[in-house]
N, C-alpha and C. Protein backbone atom coordinates (compact mmCIF):
# COMPACT_ATOMS: atom_id res chain seq x y z
N GLN A 1 85.42 5.90 95.86
CA GLN A 1 87.10 5.35 96.14
C GLN A 1 87.04 4.46 97.39
N VAL A 2 87.74 3.20 97.35
CA VAL A 2 87.94 2.43 98.13
C VAL A 2 89.42 2.21 98.60
N GLN A 3 89.67 2.24 99.85
CA GLN A 3 90.90 2.20 100.62
C GLN A 3 91.20 0.70 101.30
N LEU A 4 92.21 0.28 100.72
CA LEU A 4 92.25 -1.28 101.43
C LEU A 4 93.75 -1.43 102.27
N VAL A 5 93.55 -1.83 103.40
CA VAL A 5 94.72 -1.90 103.95
C VAL A 5 94.97 -3.42 104.70
N GLU A 6 96.20 -4.09 104.22
CA GLU A 6 96.02 -5.52 104.63
C GLU A 6 97.04 -5.72 106.01
N SER A 7 96.78 -6.76 106.80
CA SER A 7 97.91 -7.01 107.70
C SER A 7 97.72 -8.22 108.12
N GLY A 8 98.62 -8.97 108.95
CA GLY A 8 98.35 -10.30 109.42
C GLY A 8 99.46 -11.39 108.66
N GLY A 9 100.54 -10.44 107.71
CA GLY A 9 101.33 -11.60 107.30
C GLY A 9 102.58 -11.71 108.18
N GLY A 10 103.41 -12.49 107.62
CA GLY A 10 104.75 -12.67 108.71
C GLY A 10 105.26 -13.91 107.95
N LEU A 11 106.06 -14.53 108.85
CA LEU A 11 107.11 -15.70 108.77
C LEU A 11 106.59 -16.72 109.60
N VAL A 12 106.24 -18.07 109.18
CA VAL A 12 105.78 -19.32 109.48
C VAL A 12 106.19 -20.18 109.15
N GLN A 13 105.83 -21.80 109.55
CA GLN A 13 106.68 -22.54 109.20
C GLN A 13 105.94 -23.43 108.46
N ALA A 14 106.14 -24.25 107.46
CA ALA A 14 105.32 -25.26 106.90
C ALA A 14 104.29 -25.93 107.79
N GLY A 15 102.86 -26.11 107.31
CA GLY A 15 102.06 -26.76 108.12
C GLY A 15 101.21 -25.80 108.94
N ASP A 16 101.95 -24.43 109.52
CA ASP A 16 101.12 -23.56 110.28
C ASP A 16 99.98 -22.92 109.43
N SER A 17 99.21 -22.36 110.40
CA SER A 17 98.25 -21.17 109.93
C SER A 17 98.68 -19.98 110.05
N LEU A 18 97.93 -19.06 109.43
CA LEU A 18 97.88 -17.59 109.45
C LEU A 18 96.49 -16.99 109.04
N ARG A 19 96.26 -15.85 109.50
CA ARG A 19 94.94 -15.25 108.94
C ARG A 19 95.27 -13.82 108.66
N LEU A 20 94.93 -13.66 107.37
CA LEU A 20 95.51 -12.06 106.82
C LEU A 20 93.80 -11.43 107.05
N SER A 21 94.23 -10.06 107.24
CA SER A 21 92.62 -9.12 107.59
C SER A 21 92.98 -8.10 106.35
N CYS A 22 92.24 -7.50 105.73
CA CYS A 22 91.93 -6.59 105.01
C CYS A 22 90.65 -5.45 105.68
N ALA A 23 91.21 -4.21 105.74
CA ALA A 23 90.38 -3.29 106.34
C ALA A 23 90.00 -2.19 105.07
N ALA A 24 88.71 -2.18 104.80
CA ALA A 24 88.11 -1.32 103.49
C ALA A 24 87.35 -0.40 104.09
N SER A 25 87.91 0.82 103.50
CA SER A 25 87.19 2.09 103.84
C SER A 25 86.45 2.67 102.52
N GLY A 26 85.39 3.44 102.92
CA GLY A 26 85.19 4.09 101.60
C GLY A 26 83.25 3.69 101.69
N ARG A 27 82.58 4.76 101.40
CA ARG A 27 81.22 4.53 101.60
C ARG A 27 80.46 3.47 101.26
N THR A 28 80.84 2.73 100.05
CA THR A 28 80.29 1.63 99.37
C THR A 28 81.14 0.62 99.25
N SER A 29 82.11 0.42 100.15
CA SER A 29 83.00 -0.76 100.35
C SER A 29 82.44 -2.24 100.22
N SER A 30 81.12 -2.12 101.05
CA SER A 30 80.60 -3.72 101.30
C SER A 30 79.93 -3.71 100.42
N SER A 31 79.69 -3.04 99.05
CA SER A 31 79.28 -3.29 97.71
C SER A 31 79.86 -3.96 96.80
N TYR A 32 81.33 -4.33 97.28
CA TYR A 32 82.32 -4.81 96.18
C TYR A 32 82.26 -6.11 96.40
N THR A 33 82.51 -6.99 95.35
CA THR A 33 83.63 -8.16 95.74
C THR A 33 84.72 -8.17 95.91
N MET A 34 84.99 -8.97 97.02
CA MET A 34 86.63 -8.65 97.53
C MET A 34 87.48 -10.03 97.29
N GLY A 35 88.80 -9.72 96.89
CA GLY A 35 89.48 -10.71 96.26
C GLY A 35 91.03 -10.77 96.93
N TRP A 36 91.48 -11.91 96.94
CA TRP A 36 92.98 -12.22 97.35
C TRP A 36 93.73 -12.38 96.37
N PHE A 37 94.87 -11.76 95.92
CA PHE A 37 95.78 -12.22 95.12
C PHE A 37 97.18 -12.24 95.67
N ARG A 38 98.19 -13.22 94.96
CA ARG A 38 99.53 -13.13 95.59
C ARG A 38 100.17 -13.17 94.56
N GLN A 39 101.38 -12.63 94.84
CA GLN A 39 102.32 -12.31 93.73
C GLN A 39 103.71 -12.82 94.30
N THR A 40 104.91 -13.35 93.59
CA THR A 40 106.13 -13.51 94.06
C THR A 40 107.03 -12.67 92.85
N PRO A 41 108.15 -12.71 92.97
CA PRO A 41 109.26 -11.89 92.49
C PRO A 41 109.20 -12.29 90.90
N GLY A 42 109.11 -11.47 89.78
CA GLY A 42 109.10 -12.03 88.56
C GLY A 42 108.04 -12.61 87.82
N LYS A 43 106.97 -12.66 88.76
CA LYS A 43 105.91 -13.14 88.33
C LYS A 43 104.51 -12.27 88.49
N GLY A 44 103.48 -12.58 87.73
CA GLY A 44 102.15 -11.79 87.46
C GLY A 44 101.59 -12.35 88.98
N ARG A 45 100.30 -11.46 89.09
CA ARG A 45 99.39 -11.79 90.24
C ARG A 45 98.32 -13.28 90.26
N GLU A 46 98.79 -13.87 91.10
CA GLU A 46 97.95 -15.16 91.19
C GLU A 46 96.58 -14.95 91.79
N PHE A 47 95.50 -15.49 91.10
CA PHE A 47 94.41 -15.15 92.11
C PHE A 47 94.30 -16.59 93.11
N VAL A 48 93.83 -15.74 94.29
CA VAL A 48 93.72 -16.68 95.54
C VAL A 48 92.22 -17.16 95.72
N VAL A 49 91.40 -16.04 95.88
CA VAL A 49 90.06 -16.17 96.17
C VAL A 49 89.31 -14.97 96.17
N HIS A 50 87.88 -14.99 95.77
CA HIS A 50 87.02 -13.81 95.74
C HIS A 50 85.98 -14.12 96.59
N ILE A 51 85.16 -13.28 97.15
CA ILE A 51 83.75 -13.47 97.73
C ILE A 51 83.22 -12.37 97.52
N SER A 52 81.78 -12.72 97.30
CA SER A 52 80.69 -11.78 96.63
C SER A 52 80.61 -10.45 97.94
N SER A 53 79.72 -9.77 97.40
CA SER A 53 79.51 -8.77 98.16
C SER A 53 78.60 -9.07 99.46
N ASN A 54 77.87 -10.02 99.23
CA ASN A 54 77.20 -10.30 100.45
C ASN A 54 77.64 -11.72 101.17
N GLY A 55 78.71 -12.19 100.69
CA GLY A 55 79.49 -13.31 101.39
C GLY A 55 78.95 -14.66 100.72
N GLY A 56 77.89 -14.65 99.91
CA GLY A 56 77.26 -15.81 99.65
C GLY A 56 77.96 -16.47 98.59
N ARG A 57 78.67 -15.99 97.56
CA ARG A 57 79.54 -16.60 96.71
C ARG A 57 81.00 -16.56 96.78
N THR A 58 81.65 -17.68 96.59
CA THR A 58 83.03 -17.70 96.97
C THR A 58 83.58 -18.53 95.84
N ALA A 59 85.03 -18.22 95.31
CA ALA A 59 85.78 -19.07 94.34
C ALA A 59 87.16 -18.89 94.90
N TYR A 60 87.89 -20.42 94.84
CA TYR A 60 89.26 -20.43 95.04
C TYR A 60 90.27 -21.01 93.75
N GLY A 61 91.14 -20.40 93.81
CA GLY A 61 92.34 -20.83 93.11
C GLY A 61 92.78 -22.52 93.46
N SER A 62 93.08 -22.95 92.39
CA SER A 62 93.06 -24.42 92.51
C SER A 62 94.33 -24.89 93.60
N SER A 63 95.23 -23.78 93.54
CA SER A 63 96.07 -24.04 94.36
C SER A 63 95.97 -24.05 96.16
N VAL A 64 95.28 -23.37 95.92
CA VAL A 64 94.45 -23.04 97.84
C VAL A 64 93.30 -23.74 98.02
N LYS A 65 92.79 -24.43 97.29
CA LYS A 65 91.12 -24.91 97.52
C LYS A 65 91.51 -25.90 98.50
N GLY A 66 90.77 -25.72 99.39
CA GLY A 66 90.69 -26.95 100.85
C GLY A 66 91.57 -26.72 101.78
N ARG A 67 92.44 -25.44 101.44
CA ARG A 67 93.49 -24.86 102.70
C ARG A 67 93.04 -23.41 102.90
N PHE A 68 92.57 -22.80 102.32
CA PHE A 68 92.52 -21.37 102.45
C PHE A 68 90.77 -20.93 102.53
N ALA A 69 90.46 -20.32 103.49
CA ALA A 69 88.84 -19.71 103.50
C ALA A 69 88.99 -18.35 103.67
N VAL A 70 88.13 -17.98 102.82
CA VAL A 70 87.86 -16.29 102.86
C VAL A 70 86.55 -15.97 103.51
N SER A 71 86.41 -14.92 104.25
CA SER A 71 85.17 -14.37 105.06
C SER A 71 85.09 -13.13 104.87
N ARG A 72 84.16 -12.61 105.23
CA ARG A 72 83.81 -10.91 105.44
C ARG A 72 83.14 -10.59 106.31
N ASP A 73 83.27 -9.45 106.97
CA ASP A 73 82.29 -8.79 108.04
C ASP A 73 82.04 -7.41 107.39
N ASN A 74 80.68 -7.24 106.58
CA ASN A 74 80.63 -5.85 106.20
C ASN A 74 80.00 -5.07 107.16
N ALA A 75 79.47 -5.27 108.42
CA ALA A 75 79.51 -4.67 109.66
C ALA A 75 80.72 -3.73 110.19
N LYS A 76 81.78 -4.46 109.89
CA LYS A 76 83.37 -3.86 109.97
C LYS A 76 84.08 -3.66 109.13
N ASN A 77 83.60 -3.75 107.99
CA ASN A 77 84.09 -3.49 106.58
C ASN A 77 85.46 -4.10 106.66
N MET A 78 85.32 -5.53 107.04
CA MET A 78 86.88 -6.50 107.09
C MET A 78 86.79 -7.56 106.10
N VAL A 79 87.82 -8.20 105.67
CA VAL A 79 87.67 -9.15 104.94
C VAL A 79 88.93 -9.82 105.31
N TYR A 80 88.60 -11.34 105.39
CA TYR A 80 89.99 -12.30 106.15
C TYR A 80 89.99 -13.23 105.22
N LEU A 81 91.34 -13.62 105.33
CA LEU A 81 91.70 -14.91 104.43
C LEU A 81 92.47 -15.76 105.57
N GLN A 82 91.71 -16.98 105.84
CA GLN A 82 92.41 -18.02 107.04
C GLN A 82 93.23 -18.86 106.05
N MET A 83 94.48 -19.00 106.16
CA MET A 83 95.15 -19.91 105.43
C MET A 83 96.00 -21.08 106.55
N ASN A 84 95.42 -22.19 106.06
CA ASN A 84 95.88 -23.29 106.92
C ASN A 84 97.02 -24.33 105.99
N SER A 85 97.28 -25.30 106.91
CA SER A 85 98.48 -26.24 105.99
C SER A 85 99.38 -25.36 105.18
N LEU A 86 99.98 -24.25 105.77
CA LEU A 86 100.74 -23.54 104.62
C LEU A 86 102.13 -24.02 104.12
N LYS A 87 102.32 -24.00 102.83
CA LYS A 87 103.42 -24.80 102.27
C LYS A 87 104.57 -23.60 101.86
N PRO A 88 105.63 -24.05 101.41
CA PRO A 88 106.64 -23.06 101.15
C PRO A 88 106.27 -22.25 100.24
N GLU A 89 105.38 -22.91 99.18
CA GLU A 89 105.26 -22.22 97.85
C GLU A 89 104.04 -21.32 98.05
N ASP A 90 103.42 -21.06 99.20
CA ASP A 90 102.52 -20.24 99.37
C ASP A 90 103.03 -18.76 99.78
N THR A 91 104.51 -18.88 99.71
CA THR A 91 105.47 -17.75 100.22
C THR A 91 105.32 -16.76 98.86
N ALA A 92 104.86 -15.42 99.30
CA ALA A 92 104.38 -14.35 98.45
C ALA A 92 104.19 -12.98 99.22
N VAL A 93 103.54 -12.15 98.51
CA VAL A 93 103.17 -10.71 98.97
C VAL A 93 101.40 -10.81 98.64
N TYR A 94 100.61 -10.83 99.47
CA TYR A 94 99.45 -10.89 99.35
C TYR A 94 98.60 -9.57 99.63
N TYR A 95 97.72 -9.60 98.48
CA TYR A 95 97.02 -8.27 97.97
C TYR A 95 95.64 -8.40 98.32
N CYS A 96 94.88 -7.75 98.88
CA CYS A 96 93.51 -7.44 99.12
C CYS A 96 92.92 -6.60 97.67
N ALA A 97 91.93 -6.64 97.01
CA ALA A 97 91.42 -6.09 96.28
C ALA A 97 89.94 -6.20 95.84
N ALA A 98 89.53 -4.82 95.66
CA ALA A 98 87.85 -4.72 95.55
C ALA A 98 87.44 -4.61 93.91
N SER A 99 86.46 -5.31 93.37
CA SER A 99 85.86 -5.18 92.23
C SER A 99 84.28 -5.01 92.29
N ARG A 100 84.02 -4.51 90.96
CA ARG A 100 82.48 -4.59 91.14
C ARG A 100 81.70 -5.71 90.44
N VAL A 101 82.68 -6.57 89.95
CA VAL A 101 82.19 -7.81 89.34
C VAL A 101 83.03 -9.01 89.91
N LEU A 102 82.22 -10.10 90.03
CA LEU A 102 82.79 -11.47 90.05
C LEU A 102 83.96 -11.92 89.18
N GLY A 103 85.24 -11.69 89.59
CA GLY A 103 85.93 -11.96 88.30
C GLY A 103 87.41 -12.77 89.25
N THR A 104 88.22 -13.19 88.41
CA THR A 104 89.17 -13.81 88.91
C THR A 104 90.91 -13.16 88.44
N THR A 105 90.51 -12.29 87.42
CA THR A 105 91.57 -11.68 86.92
C THR A 105 92.00 -10.40 87.50
N PRO A 106 93.34 -9.95 87.56
CA PRO A 106 93.47 -8.69 88.28
C PRO A 106 93.06 -7.64 87.44
N ARG A 107 93.18 -7.66 86.09
CA ARG A 107 92.38 -6.46 85.64
C ARG A 107 90.69 -5.85 85.70
N VAL A 108 90.21 -6.66 86.51
CA VAL A 108 88.74 -6.23 86.71
C VAL A 108 88.67 -6.05 88.44
N PHE A 109 89.82 -5.86 88.83
CA PHE A 109 89.83 -5.38 90.19
C PHE A 109 90.09 -3.67 90.26
N ASP A 110 89.52 -3.00 90.82
CA ASP A 110 89.72 -1.47 90.68
C ASP A 110 90.48 -0.90 91.76
N TYR A 111 90.74 -1.66 92.73
CA TYR A 111 91.04 -1.03 94.01
C TYR A 111 91.81 -2.02 94.84
N TRP A 112 93.24 -1.76 95.29
CA TRP A 112 94.13 -2.76 95.65
C TRP A 112 94.98 -2.15 97.09
N GLY A 113 95.39 -2.86 98.00
CA GLY A 113 95.99 -2.62 99.09
C GLY A 113 97.67 -2.69 98.71
N GLN A 114 98.28 -2.35 99.67
CA GLN A 114 99.66 -2.29 99.53
C GLN A 114 100.42 -3.66 99.60
N GLY A 115 99.80 -4.49 100.19
CA GLY A 115 100.14 -6.12 100.13
C GLY A 115 100.97 -6.16 101.40
N THR A 116 100.89 -7.45 102.00
CA THR A 116 101.50 -8.01 103.15
C THR A 116 102.20 -9.29 102.92
N GLN A 117 103.68 -9.49 103.25
CA GLN A 117 104.45 -10.60 103.07
C GLN A 117 104.16 -11.52 103.78
N VAL A 118 103.81 -12.85 103.23
CA VAL A 118 103.81 -14.13 103.84
C VAL A 118 104.91 -15.00 103.60
N THR A 119 105.55 -15.43 104.60
CA THR A 119 106.97 -16.23 104.15
C THR A 119 106.63 -17.58 104.87
N VAL A 120 106.76 -18.50 104.21
CA VAL A 120 106.51 -19.85 104.87
C VAL A 120 107.83 -20.69 104.64
N SER A 121 108.43 -21.18 105.75
CA SER A 121 109.79 -21.90 106.01
C SER A 121 109.54 -23.20 105.74
N SER A 122 110.56 -24.09 105.34
CA SER A 122 110.46 -25.41 104.98
C SER A 122 110.92 -26.38 106.36
C-alpha cells in the first residue's frame, strides 16, 4: 500500500512558476514509477509526466514538454513537479500517482493522491 499526499498548489499569474510536491509513504514506495496527471471539470485525467523508480527515465505530455520538470528524492520519498511559464490552460487539479509500470494512462496507476488545485490567471 502506498499513500500519496500532494501539496504546493495555488493561484498564480500567467508566466509564473510553481512547484508541486508529492509525499509518498509505504515500505516500497521508492520502487514505483511516479506520475502526475491533471484534470479539469468534465474531462478525464490528462497525463502530465512520469518518472521511473530510479529517476533515470521520464516522459512528458506534449502540452507541458519544455515547461515542466519532474524529479524525485527517494531518500525522502518525495516527488516534485516544477512548473514554469504557466498558462491559463494549465489550470486543473493535479494528482500524484504511483504505478508498477512505466505508463501514461490512468488505468495503470494503482495509487492516487487527493489532488491539489492549480489556478493560473491571465
